[in-house]
N, C-alpha and C. Protein backbone atom coordinates (compact mmCIF):
# COMPACT_ATOMS: atom_id res chain seq x y z
N MET A 1 268.76 130.42 31.91
CA MET A 1 267.96 131.40 31.18
C MET A 1 268.17 132.80 31.75
N VAL A 2 269.32 133.07 32.33
CA VAL A 2 269.59 134.37 32.90
C VAL A 2 269.71 135.39 31.79
N GLY A 3 268.88 136.41 31.88
CA GLY A 3 268.97 137.48 30.90
C GLY A 3 268.68 137.04 29.48
N ARG A 4 268.04 135.87 29.31
CA ARG A 4 267.65 135.38 27.99
C ARG A 4 268.86 135.14 27.08
N ARG A 5 270.06 134.99 27.69
CA ARG A 5 271.26 134.87 26.86
C ARG A 5 271.31 133.53 26.14
N ASP A 6 270.84 132.45 26.78
CA ASP A 6 270.95 131.12 26.20
C ASP A 6 269.76 130.75 25.34
N LEU A 7 268.78 131.63 25.24
CA LEU A 7 267.59 131.29 24.46
C LEU A 7 267.71 131.72 23.02
N GLY A 8 268.58 132.66 22.73
CA GLY A 8 268.69 133.14 21.36
C GLY A 8 267.71 134.26 21.07
N PRO A 9 267.95 135.00 20.01
CA PRO A 9 267.06 136.14 19.69
C PRO A 9 265.66 135.72 19.29
N SER A 10 265.48 134.45 18.86
CA SER A 10 264.15 134.03 18.41
C SER A 10 263.17 133.86 19.57
N ALA A 11 263.66 133.88 20.82
CA ALA A 11 262.77 133.67 21.96
C ALA A 11 261.93 134.90 22.28
N GLY A 12 262.31 136.08 21.77
CA GLY A 12 261.55 137.28 22.04
C GLY A 12 261.91 137.89 23.38
N PRO A 13 261.06 138.78 23.91
CA PRO A 13 261.35 139.41 25.21
C PRO A 13 261.42 138.39 26.34
N ARG A 14 262.12 138.74 27.40
CA ARG A 14 262.31 137.82 28.52
C ARG A 14 260.99 137.46 29.17
N SER A 15 260.10 138.44 29.36
CA SER A 15 258.81 138.17 30.00
C SER A 15 257.97 137.20 29.18
N ALA A 16 258.00 137.35 27.85
CA ALA A 16 257.23 136.43 26.99
C ALA A 16 257.81 135.02 27.06
N ALA A 17 259.13 134.92 27.13
CA ALA A 17 259.75 133.61 27.22
C ALA A 17 259.39 132.91 28.53
N LEU A 18 259.36 133.67 29.64
CA LEU A 18 259.00 133.08 30.93
C LEU A 18 257.55 132.61 30.93
N ARG A 19 256.65 133.38 30.29
CA ARG A 19 255.25 132.97 30.24
C ARG A 19 255.10 131.66 29.46
N ARG A 20 255.84 131.52 28.36
CA ARG A 20 255.76 130.29 27.58
C ARG A 20 256.28 129.10 28.39
N CYS A 21 257.36 129.33 29.17
CA CYS A 21 257.89 128.25 29.99
C CYS A 21 256.88 127.80 31.03
N ARG A 22 256.18 128.75 31.66
CA ARG A 22 255.17 128.39 32.67
C ARG A 22 254.05 127.59 32.05
N ARG A 23 253.59 128.00 30.86
CA ARG A 23 252.51 127.28 30.20
C ARG A 23 252.93 125.85 29.88
N ARG A 24 254.16 125.69 29.40
CA ARG A 24 254.61 124.35 29.03
C ARG A 24 254.82 123.47 30.24
N ARG A 25 255.23 124.06 31.37
CA ARG A 25 255.35 123.28 32.60
C ARG A 25 253.99 122.79 33.06
N LEU A 26 253.02 123.66 32.96
CA LEU A 26 251.67 123.27 33.37
C LEU A 26 251.10 122.19 32.47
N ASP A 27 251.50 122.20 31.20
CA ASP A 27 251.00 121.20 30.25
C ASP A 27 251.79 119.89 30.31
N ASP A 28 252.78 119.81 31.22
CA ASP A 28 253.63 118.61 31.33
C ASP A 28 254.37 118.31 30.04
N ARG A 29 254.70 119.35 29.30
CA ARG A 29 255.48 119.17 28.08
C ARG A 29 256.88 119.73 28.32
N VAL A 30 257.89 118.92 28.09
CA VAL A 30 259.27 119.34 28.34
C VAL A 30 259.88 119.76 27.01
N HIS A 31 260.25 121.02 26.93
CA HIS A 31 260.91 121.56 25.74
C HIS A 31 262.22 122.19 26.19
N ARG A 32 263.26 121.79 25.56
CA ARG A 32 264.58 122.29 25.95
C ARG A 32 264.87 123.58 25.20
N LEU A 33 264.44 124.72 25.79
CA LEU A 33 264.69 126.00 25.15
C LEU A 33 266.16 126.40 25.24
N ASP A 34 266.83 125.99 26.31
CA ASP A 34 268.24 126.36 26.47
C ASP A 34 269.13 125.34 25.80
N HIS A 35 268.86 125.06 24.51
CA HIS A 35 269.61 124.03 23.80
C HIS A 35 271.05 124.41 23.57
N ARG A 36 271.37 125.68 23.66
CA ARG A 36 272.75 126.10 23.41
C ARG A 36 273.65 125.89 24.62
N ALA A 37 273.08 125.60 25.78
CA ALA A 37 273.90 125.46 26.98
C ALA A 37 274.71 124.16 26.99
N GLY A 38 274.21 123.10 26.35
CA GLY A 38 274.90 121.81 26.36
C GLY A 38 275.80 121.64 25.16
N PRO A 39 276.63 120.58 25.18
CA PRO A 39 277.51 120.32 24.04
C PRO A 39 276.72 119.86 22.83
N SER A 40 277.32 120.05 21.66
CA SER A 40 276.66 119.63 20.43
C SER A 40 276.65 118.11 20.34
N ALA A 41 275.85 117.59 19.42
CA ALA A 41 275.74 116.13 19.28
C ALA A 41 277.07 115.50 18.89
N CYS A 42 277.86 116.20 18.07
CA CYS A 42 279.14 115.64 17.64
C CYS A 42 280.20 115.72 18.72
N GLY A 43 279.96 116.53 19.77
CA GLY A 43 280.96 116.69 20.82
C GLY A 43 280.67 115.90 22.07
N ARG A 44 279.58 115.17 22.10
CA ARG A 44 279.22 114.43 23.31
C ARG A 44 279.94 113.10 23.42
N GLY A 45 280.52 112.60 22.32
CA GLY A 45 281.18 111.31 22.36
C GLY A 45 280.19 110.19 22.19
N PRO A 46 280.67 108.97 22.02
CA PRO A 46 279.77 107.84 21.77
C PRO A 46 279.04 107.42 23.03
N LYS A 47 277.94 106.74 22.84
CA LYS A 47 277.21 106.18 23.96
C LYS A 47 277.95 104.97 24.51
N LYS A 48 277.51 104.51 25.67
CA LYS A 48 278.15 103.36 26.30
C LYS A 48 278.01 102.13 25.42
N GLY A 49 279.12 101.45 25.20
CA GLY A 49 279.10 100.27 24.36
C GLY A 49 279.33 100.56 22.89
N GLN A 50 279.43 101.83 22.52
CA GLN A 50 279.65 102.19 21.12
C GLN A 50 281.14 102.27 20.84
N SER A 51 281.55 102.07 19.59
CA SER A 51 282.96 102.07 19.22
C SER A 51 283.23 103.18 18.22
N TRP A 52 284.54 103.45 18.00
CA TRP A 52 285.00 104.40 16.99
C TRP A 52 285.76 103.61 15.93
N PRO A 53 285.13 103.00 14.95
CA PRO A 53 285.88 102.22 13.96
C PRO A 53 286.88 103.07 13.19
N GLY A 54 286.54 104.34 12.93
CA GLY A 54 287.45 105.21 12.19
C GLY A 54 288.72 105.53 12.95
N GLU A 55 288.69 105.42 14.26
CA GLU A 55 289.86 105.70 15.10
C GLU A 55 290.47 104.41 15.66
N ALA A 56 290.08 103.27 15.11
CA ALA A 56 290.61 101.96 15.53
C ALA A 56 290.39 101.70 17.01
N VAL A 57 289.21 102.05 17.49
CA VAL A 57 288.84 101.79 18.89
C VAL A 57 287.56 100.97 18.90
N GLY A 58 287.64 99.77 19.43
CA GLY A 58 286.46 98.92 19.54
C GLY A 58 286.03 98.77 20.98
N ARG A 59 284.96 98.04 21.19
CA ARG A 59 284.43 97.82 22.53
C ARG A 59 284.35 96.33 22.82
N SER A 60 284.83 95.96 23.99
CA SER A 60 284.72 94.58 24.45
C SER A 60 284.25 94.59 25.89
N ARG A 61 284.19 93.43 26.49
CA ARG A 61 283.74 93.34 27.88
C ARG A 61 284.68 94.10 28.81
N GLY A 62 285.95 94.17 28.45
CA GLY A 62 286.92 94.86 29.30
C GLY A 62 287.02 96.35 29.06
N GLY A 63 286.39 96.86 28.00
CA GLY A 63 286.44 98.27 27.70
C GLY A 63 286.94 98.53 26.29
N PRO A 64 287.45 99.74 26.00
CA PRO A 64 287.96 100.07 24.67
C PRO A 64 289.16 99.21 24.30
N THR A 65 289.23 98.78 23.05
CA THR A 65 290.31 97.90 22.60
C THR A 65 290.82 98.32 21.23
N THR A 66 292.11 98.12 21.01
CA THR A 66 292.76 98.35 19.72
C THR A 66 293.71 97.19 19.45
N LYS A 67 293.76 96.75 18.20
CA LYS A 67 294.62 95.61 17.86
C LYS A 67 295.65 96.03 16.81
N ILE A 68 296.89 95.58 17.01
CA ILE A 68 297.98 95.82 16.05
C ILE A 68 298.21 94.53 15.28
N HIS A 69 298.09 94.59 13.96
CA HIS A 69 298.38 93.45 13.09
C HIS A 69 299.75 93.71 12.47
N LEU A 70 300.70 92.83 12.74
CA LEU A 70 302.10 93.13 12.41
C LEU A 70 302.77 91.95 11.73
N ALA A 71 303.70 92.27 10.82
CA ALA A 71 304.56 91.27 10.18
C ALA A 71 306.01 91.65 10.47
N CYS A 72 306.85 90.65 10.76
CA CYS A 72 308.25 90.91 11.04
C CYS A 72 309.12 90.02 10.16
N ASP A 73 310.41 90.33 10.10
CA ASP A 73 311.32 89.55 9.27
C ASP A 73 311.91 88.40 10.07
N GLY A 74 312.89 87.72 9.49
CA GLY A 74 313.49 86.56 10.12
C GLY A 74 314.34 86.87 11.33
N GLN A 75 314.56 88.16 11.61
CA GLN A 75 315.32 88.55 12.79
C GLN A 75 314.43 89.22 13.85
N GLY A 76 313.12 89.14 13.64
CA GLY A 76 312.19 89.71 14.61
C GLY A 76 312.04 91.20 14.53
N ARG A 77 312.40 91.80 13.40
CA ARG A 77 312.25 93.25 13.23
C ARG A 77 310.96 93.54 12.48
N PRO A 78 310.16 94.49 12.93
CA PRO A 78 308.87 94.77 12.29
C PRO A 78 309.03 95.31 10.88
N LEU A 79 308.18 94.84 9.98
CA LEU A 79 308.20 95.28 8.58
C LEU A 79 306.98 96.12 8.21
N ALA A 80 305.81 95.73 8.69
CA ALA A 80 304.58 96.44 8.34
C ALA A 80 303.53 96.13 9.40
N PHE A 81 302.57 97.05 9.56
CA PHE A 81 301.50 96.82 10.53
C PHE A 81 300.27 97.63 10.12
N THR A 82 299.14 97.23 10.65
CA THR A 82 297.89 97.97 10.52
C THR A 82 297.21 98.01 11.88
N LEU A 83 296.32 98.98 12.05
CA LEU A 83 295.56 99.13 13.28
C LEU A 83 294.08 98.89 13.00
N THR A 84 293.43 98.17 13.88
CA THR A 84 291.99 97.95 13.77
C THR A 84 291.38 97.96 15.17
N VAL A 85 290.07 97.88 15.21
CA VAL A 85 289.40 97.69 16.50
C VAL A 85 289.82 96.35 17.08
N GLY A 86 289.73 96.21 18.39
CA GLY A 86 290.23 95.00 19.02
C GLY A 86 289.41 93.76 18.77
N ASN A 87 288.11 93.94 18.56
CA ASN A 87 287.22 92.78 18.39
C ASN A 87 287.06 92.43 16.91
N ILE A 88 288.17 92.13 16.25
CA ILE A 88 288.15 91.76 14.84
C ILE A 88 289.09 90.58 14.64
N ASN A 89 288.77 89.72 13.69
CA ASN A 89 289.58 88.54 13.44
C ASN A 89 290.91 88.92 12.81
N ASP A 90 291.98 88.23 13.22
CA ASP A 90 293.31 88.54 12.70
C ASP A 90 293.42 88.34 11.20
N CYS A 91 292.79 87.28 10.69
CA CYS A 91 292.97 86.93 9.28
C CYS A 91 292.36 87.96 8.34
N THR A 92 291.47 88.83 8.82
CA THR A 92 290.86 89.83 7.95
C THR A 92 291.86 90.88 7.49
N GLN A 93 292.96 91.04 8.21
CA GLN A 93 293.96 92.06 7.87
C GLN A 93 295.21 91.47 7.23
N PHE A 94 295.17 90.19 6.87
CA PHE A 94 296.37 89.54 6.33
C PHE A 94 296.82 90.21 5.03
N GLU A 95 295.91 90.37 4.09
CA GLU A 95 296.28 90.95 2.80
C GLU A 95 296.67 92.42 2.94
N ALA A 96 296.05 93.14 3.87
CA ALA A 96 296.40 94.55 4.07
C ALA A 96 297.83 94.69 4.58
N VAL A 97 298.23 93.80 5.49
CA VAL A 97 299.61 93.84 5.99
C VAL A 97 300.59 93.41 4.90
N MET A 98 300.23 92.37 4.14
CA MET A 98 301.11 91.91 3.07
C MET A 98 301.31 92.98 2.01
N ALA A 99 300.28 93.78 1.76
CA ALA A 99 300.39 94.84 0.75
C ALA A 99 301.36 95.93 1.17
N ARG A 100 301.64 96.05 2.45
CA ARG A 100 302.55 97.10 2.94
C ARG A 100 303.98 96.62 3.09
N LEU A 101 304.24 95.35 2.82
CA LEU A 101 305.59 94.82 3.00
C LEU A 101 306.57 95.44 2.01
N ARG A 102 307.71 95.84 2.52
CA ARG A 102 308.83 96.31 1.70
C ARG A 102 310.09 95.69 2.30
N ILE A 103 310.74 94.81 1.52
CA ILE A 103 311.87 94.03 2.04
C ILE A 103 313.13 94.42 1.29
N GLN A 104 314.20 94.68 2.04
CA GLN A 104 315.47 95.06 1.45
C GLN A 104 316.12 93.88 0.74
N ARG A 105 316.61 94.10 -0.47
CA ARG A 105 317.32 93.06 -1.20
C ARG A 105 318.76 92.93 -0.70
N CYS A 106 319.36 91.78 -0.97
CA CYS A 106 320.76 91.58 -0.59
C CYS A 106 321.69 92.50 -1.39
N GLY A 107 321.36 92.74 -2.65
CA GLY A 107 322.15 93.61 -3.49
C GLY A 107 321.37 94.87 -3.86
N PRO A 108 321.82 95.58 -4.87
CA PRO A 108 321.10 96.78 -5.30
C PRO A 108 319.78 96.43 -5.98
N GLY A 109 318.88 97.38 -6.02
CA GLY A 109 317.59 97.17 -6.67
C GLY A 109 316.44 97.67 -5.81
N ARG A 110 315.27 97.61 -6.39
CA ARG A 110 314.08 98.07 -5.67
C ARG A 110 313.75 97.14 -4.50
N LEU A 111 313.01 97.67 -3.56
CA LEU A 111 312.58 96.86 -2.42
C LEU A 111 311.63 95.77 -2.88
N ARG A 112 311.75 94.60 -2.30
CA ARG A 112 310.87 93.49 -2.64
C ARG A 112 309.55 93.63 -1.91
N THR A 113 308.49 93.19 -2.56
CA THR A 113 307.16 93.18 -1.95
C THR A 113 306.64 91.77 -1.73
N ARG A 114 307.45 90.78 -2.08
CA ARG A 114 307.03 89.39 -1.96
C ARG A 114 308.07 88.60 -1.17
N PRO A 115 307.74 88.16 0.04
CA PRO A 115 308.69 87.35 0.80
C PRO A 115 308.77 85.93 0.25
N ALA A 116 309.83 85.23 0.62
CA ALA A 116 309.98 83.84 0.17
C ALA A 116 309.11 82.89 0.97
N LEU A 117 308.85 83.22 2.24
CA LEU A 117 308.11 82.32 3.13
C LEU A 117 307.31 83.15 4.12
N VAL A 118 306.10 82.70 4.41
CA VAL A 118 305.24 83.33 5.43
C VAL A 118 304.95 82.29 6.50
N VAL A 119 305.26 82.64 7.74
CA VAL A 119 304.99 81.77 8.89
C VAL A 119 303.92 82.45 9.74
N ALA A 120 302.83 81.74 10.02
CA ALA A 120 301.73 82.30 10.80
C ALA A 120 301.07 81.19 11.61
N ASP A 121 300.27 81.59 12.60
CA ASP A 121 299.61 80.60 13.45
C ASP A 121 298.29 80.14 12.84
N LYS A 122 297.55 79.33 13.58
CA LYS A 122 296.32 78.73 13.06
C LYS A 122 295.23 79.76 12.76
N GLY A 123 295.33 80.93 13.38
CA GLY A 123 294.34 81.96 13.12
C GLY A 123 294.33 82.44 11.67
N TYR A 124 295.43 82.20 10.96
CA TYR A 124 295.52 82.60 9.55
C TYR A 124 295.34 81.43 8.60
N SER A 125 294.89 80.31 9.11
CA SER A 125 294.67 79.14 8.26
C SER A 125 293.28 79.22 7.64
N SER A 126 293.22 79.74 6.44
CA SER A 126 291.95 79.82 5.71
C SER A 126 292.21 79.54 4.23
N THR A 127 291.19 79.11 3.55
CA THR A 127 291.33 78.81 2.12
C THR A 127 291.70 80.06 1.33
N LYS A 128 291.13 81.20 1.72
CA LYS A 128 291.40 82.45 1.01
C LYS A 128 292.86 82.86 1.14
N ILE A 129 293.41 82.75 2.35
CA ILE A 129 294.80 83.15 2.56
C ILE A 129 295.76 82.21 1.85
N ARG A 130 295.49 80.92 1.90
CA ARG A 130 296.36 79.96 1.21
C ARG A 130 296.31 80.18 -0.30
N ALA A 131 295.13 80.47 -0.84
CA ALA A 131 295.02 80.74 -2.28
C ALA A 131 295.75 82.03 -2.64
N TYR A 132 295.69 83.03 -1.77
CA TYR A 132 296.40 84.29 -2.00
C TYR A 132 297.91 84.06 -2.06
N LEU A 133 298.43 83.27 -1.14
CA LEU A 133 299.87 83.00 -1.13
C LEU A 133 300.29 82.17 -2.33
N ARG A 134 299.48 81.18 -2.70
CA ARG A 134 299.81 80.38 -3.89
C ARG A 134 299.80 81.25 -5.14
N GLY A 135 298.84 82.16 -5.24
CA GLY A 135 298.76 83.02 -6.41
C GLY A 135 299.97 83.93 -6.56
N ARG A 136 300.61 84.27 -5.45
CA ARG A 136 301.79 85.13 -5.50
C ARG A 136 303.10 84.33 -5.44
N GLY A 137 302.99 83.02 -5.42
CA GLY A 137 304.20 82.19 -5.39
C GLY A 137 304.95 82.25 -4.08
N ILE A 138 304.25 82.39 -2.97
CA ILE A 138 304.87 82.49 -1.65
C ILE A 138 304.62 81.19 -0.88
N LYS A 139 305.66 80.62 -0.33
CA LYS A 139 305.52 79.42 0.48
C LYS A 139 304.91 79.78 1.83
N ALA A 140 304.16 78.83 2.40
CA ALA A 140 303.47 79.09 3.67
C ALA A 140 303.79 77.99 4.67
N ALA A 141 303.99 78.39 5.91
CA ALA A 141 304.14 77.46 7.04
C ALA A 141 303.05 77.82 8.05
N ILE A 142 301.83 77.39 7.74
CA ILE A 142 300.66 77.71 8.57
C ILE A 142 299.97 76.40 8.93
N PRO A 143 299.88 76.04 10.19
CA PRO A 143 299.21 74.79 10.57
C PRO A 143 297.70 74.91 10.38
N GLU A 144 297.07 73.77 10.09
CA GLU A 144 295.62 73.75 9.92
C GLU A 144 294.91 73.65 11.26
N ARG A 145 293.72 74.21 11.31
CA ARG A 145 292.88 74.07 12.50
C ARG A 145 292.29 72.66 12.55
N ILE A 146 291.84 72.27 13.73
CA ILE A 146 291.33 70.91 13.91
C ILE A 146 290.09 70.66 13.07
N ASP A 147 289.23 71.69 12.90
CA ASP A 147 288.03 71.49 12.08
C ASP A 147 288.39 71.31 10.61
N GLN A 148 289.46 71.97 10.15
CA GLN A 148 289.90 71.78 8.77
C GLN A 148 290.49 70.39 8.58
N ILE A 149 291.22 69.91 9.58
CA ILE A 149 291.79 68.56 9.50
C ILE A 149 290.69 67.51 9.45
N ASN A 150 289.68 67.67 10.31
CA ASN A 150 288.57 66.72 10.33
C ASN A 150 287.79 66.75 9.02
N GLY A 151 287.65 67.94 8.44
CA GLY A 151 286.96 68.04 7.15
C GLY A 151 287.71 67.32 6.05
N ARG A 152 289.04 67.42 6.06
CA ARG A 152 289.83 66.70 5.05
C ARG A 152 289.72 65.19 5.23
N ILE A 153 289.69 64.75 6.49
CA ILE A 153 289.57 63.31 6.75
C ILE A 153 288.23 62.80 6.24
N ARG A 154 287.15 63.55 6.47
CA ARG A 154 285.84 63.12 6.00
C ARG A 154 285.78 63.05 4.48
N ARG A 155 286.48 63.98 3.83
CA ARG A 155 286.47 64.00 2.36
C ARG A 155 287.51 63.05 1.77
N GLY A 156 288.31 62.43 2.60
CA GLY A 156 289.34 61.52 2.11
C GLY A 156 290.54 62.22 1.53
N GLU A 157 290.78 63.46 1.92
CA GLU A 157 291.92 64.23 1.41
C GLU A 157 293.08 64.15 2.39
N SER A 158 294.27 64.41 1.88
CA SER A 158 295.46 64.40 2.73
C SER A 158 295.65 65.77 3.37
N ARG A 159 296.32 65.80 4.50
CA ARG A 159 296.55 67.06 5.21
C ARG A 159 297.60 67.90 4.49
N CYS A 160 297.54 69.21 4.74
CA CYS A 160 298.56 70.10 4.18
C CYS A 160 299.89 69.85 4.89
N ARG A 161 300.95 69.83 4.13
CA ARG A 161 302.26 69.62 4.72
C ARG A 161 302.70 70.90 5.44
N LEU A 162 303.27 70.70 6.61
CA LEU A 162 303.74 71.83 7.42
C LEU A 162 305.24 71.74 7.59
N ASN A 163 305.92 72.82 7.23
CA ASN A 163 307.37 72.91 7.43
C ASN A 163 307.61 73.22 8.91
N ARG A 164 307.79 72.18 9.71
CA ARG A 164 307.89 72.37 11.16
C ARG A 164 309.16 73.12 11.55
N ALA A 165 310.23 72.93 10.80
CA ALA A 165 311.47 73.65 11.12
C ALA A 165 311.27 75.15 10.96
N ALA A 166 310.54 75.55 9.90
CA ALA A 166 310.26 76.97 9.71
C ALA A 166 309.24 77.48 10.71
N TYR A 167 308.27 76.63 11.06
CA TYR A 167 307.21 77.08 11.97
C TYR A 167 307.74 77.33 13.38
N ARG A 168 308.84 76.70 13.74
CA ARG A 168 309.42 76.93 15.07
C ARG A 168 309.90 78.37 15.24
N ARG A 169 310.08 79.06 14.14
CA ARG A 169 310.56 80.44 14.21
C ARG A 169 309.42 81.45 14.33
N ARG A 170 308.19 80.95 14.47
CA ARG A 170 307.06 81.87 14.61
C ARG A 170 307.15 82.68 15.90
N ASN A 171 307.90 82.16 16.86
CA ASN A 171 308.04 82.89 18.13
C ASN A 171 308.72 84.24 17.95
N LEU A 172 309.36 84.46 16.78
CA LEU A 172 309.97 85.76 16.52
C LEU A 172 308.92 86.87 16.53
N ALA A 173 307.73 86.57 16.00
CA ALA A 173 306.66 87.57 16.01
C ALA A 173 306.20 87.86 17.43
N GLU A 174 306.10 86.82 18.26
CA GLU A 174 305.69 87.02 19.66
C GLU A 174 306.74 87.83 20.41
N ARG A 175 308.01 87.56 20.13
CA ARG A 175 309.08 88.31 20.79
C ARG A 175 309.11 89.76 20.32
N CYS A 176 308.76 89.98 19.05
CA CYS A 176 308.69 91.34 18.53
C CYS A 176 307.60 92.13 19.25
N PHE A 177 306.42 91.52 19.41
CA PHE A 177 305.34 92.17 20.15
C PHE A 177 305.74 92.43 21.60
N ASN A 178 306.47 91.49 22.18
CA ASN A 178 306.90 91.66 23.57
C ASN A 178 307.80 92.88 23.72
N GLN A 179 308.71 93.08 22.76
CA GLN A 179 309.59 94.24 22.82
C GLN A 179 308.81 95.54 22.61
N LEU A 180 307.82 95.50 21.71
CA LEU A 180 307.03 96.71 21.48
C LEU A 180 306.23 97.09 22.72
N LYS A 181 305.75 96.10 23.44
CA LYS A 181 304.92 96.39 24.61
C LYS A 181 305.73 96.81 25.82
N HIS A 182 307.06 96.89 25.68
CA HIS A 182 307.85 97.52 26.73
C HIS A 182 307.54 99.01 26.81
N HIS A 183 307.01 99.56 25.73
CA HIS A 183 306.60 100.96 25.72
C HIS A 183 305.19 101.06 26.33
N LYS A 184 305.07 101.80 27.38
CA LYS A 184 303.79 101.89 28.09
C LYS A 184 302.70 102.47 27.21
N ALA A 185 303.06 103.43 26.35
CA ALA A 185 302.06 104.07 25.50
C ALA A 185 301.52 103.13 24.43
N LEU A 186 302.22 102.01 24.18
CA LEU A 186 301.73 101.01 23.23
C LEU A 186 300.94 99.92 23.94
N ALA A 187 301.46 99.48 25.09
CA ALA A 187 300.76 98.43 25.83
C ALA A 187 299.38 98.90 26.28
N THR A 188 299.28 100.17 26.68
CA THR A 188 298.00 100.78 27.05
C THR A 188 297.82 102.03 26.20
N ARG A 189 296.81 102.03 25.36
CA ARG A 189 296.61 103.16 24.46
C ARG A 189 295.99 104.33 25.22
N TYR A 190 296.65 105.49 25.12
CA TYR A 190 296.13 106.72 25.71
C TYR A 190 295.69 107.72 24.65
N ASP A 191 296.06 107.50 23.40
CA ASP A 191 295.75 108.45 22.33
C ASP A 191 294.32 108.26 21.85
N LYS A 192 293.63 109.37 21.66
CA LYS A 192 292.26 109.31 21.16
C LYS A 192 292.22 109.02 19.68
N HIS A 193 293.11 109.67 18.91
CA HIS A 193 293.09 109.54 17.46
C HIS A 193 294.03 108.42 17.01
N ALA A 194 293.60 107.70 15.98
CA ALA A 194 294.38 106.57 15.47
C ALA A 194 295.71 107.03 14.90
N ARG A 195 295.74 108.20 14.28
CA ARG A 195 296.98 108.67 13.65
C ARG A 195 298.07 108.92 14.70
N HIS A 196 297.67 109.36 15.89
CA HIS A 196 298.66 109.59 16.95
C HIS A 196 299.20 108.26 17.48
N TYR A 197 298.31 107.30 17.67
CA TYR A 197 298.75 105.98 18.15
C TYR A 197 299.58 105.28 17.08
N GLN A 198 299.22 105.45 15.81
CA GLN A 198 299.99 104.86 14.72
C GLN A 198 301.40 105.45 14.68
N ALA A 199 301.52 106.75 14.93
CA ALA A 199 302.84 107.37 14.96
C ALA A 199 303.68 106.81 16.10
N MET A 200 303.05 106.55 17.25
CA MET A 200 303.77 105.97 18.37
C MET A 200 304.25 104.56 18.05
N VAL A 201 303.40 103.76 17.40
CA VAL A 201 303.80 102.41 17.02
C VAL A 201 304.95 102.46 16.00
N THR A 202 304.88 103.39 15.07
CA THR A 202 305.95 103.53 14.07
C THR A 202 307.28 103.86 14.72
N LEU A 203 307.27 104.77 15.68
CA LEU A 203 308.52 105.12 16.38
C LEU A 203 309.08 103.93 17.14
N ALA A 204 308.21 103.17 17.77
CA ALA A 204 308.67 101.98 18.50
C ALA A 204 309.25 100.94 17.55
N CYS A 205 308.64 100.79 16.37
CA CYS A 205 309.17 99.85 15.38
C CYS A 205 310.53 100.30 14.85
N LEU A 206 310.68 101.59 14.62
CA LEU A 206 311.97 102.11 14.15
C LEU A 206 313.06 101.88 15.19
N LYS A 207 312.69 101.97 16.45
CA LYS A 207 313.68 101.76 17.52
C LYS A 207 314.23 100.34 17.49
N LEU A 208 313.41 99.37 17.11
CA LEU A 208 313.88 97.98 17.06
C LEU A 208 314.85 97.75 15.91
N TRP A 209 314.86 98.65 14.94
CA TRP A 209 315.80 98.51 13.82
C TRP A 209 317.16 99.14 14.13
N LEU A 210 317.24 99.91 15.19
CA LEU A 210 318.52 100.55 15.52
C LEU A 210 319.51 99.51 16.03
N PRO A 211 320.78 99.63 15.69
CA PRO A 211 321.78 98.66 16.16
C PRO A 211 322.03 98.77 17.66
C-alpha cells in the first residue's frame, strides 16, 4: 500500500484508506484492498489435483499425464493419432483415430479411409467397436476379455474367432511407440499447450516415414 498505488483511485486519500484499514483490523474483518498486487484468477493455474482437459493434461497419482492414441500400418509407421488426458480409457478414442486414417493406395486414386484389417489388444474389445467395424466392412483381430468370454459361456454362445496369425503382428504398434519415445520431448512432456506437444508428436511420426 505504498503511496496508495495498489489500492486504485476508488480508495480515496491515503490517510482515509489507512483509517479504514485500522478499523477493519480492529473488527477482525480481513478485506483484501490490495487486490491488484496478486495474479488474476485466470493466471494462477489450476489447484492441486486439477487437470487441463483442453490441453490434454490429466492428473494421476504420479502427477500430470498425457496419453497418445495411435494407429500404425503393417510396417509400423504411424498413420493417425489423438491426444487426451492420461486417465482415460483407450477404447474411447478408437473412432476418433479411425476417422483420421488416410492410407495410400497401391495405384492412383484418392487416399483410402478404410483399412482391410484392424489389429488391437483386449482394451479395444467392446460391442460398440466391433459393431463399428462390421458396419464399415472392416475385419478385426481383437481378442475378447475374460469377462466377455465367461458371459458368452453363460449364454451358451460361441466365442469370437480370432485371427491369431494377424494378431501376432500387434507388436508393430508397441515397436512404433518405442521408437517415438526415443525422443525425450515425447517420453516426458514439457510443453504446456497441447498444440505444441501435438506438433512435436507429428514431427516424430514424420521422421519414422523417412527412408
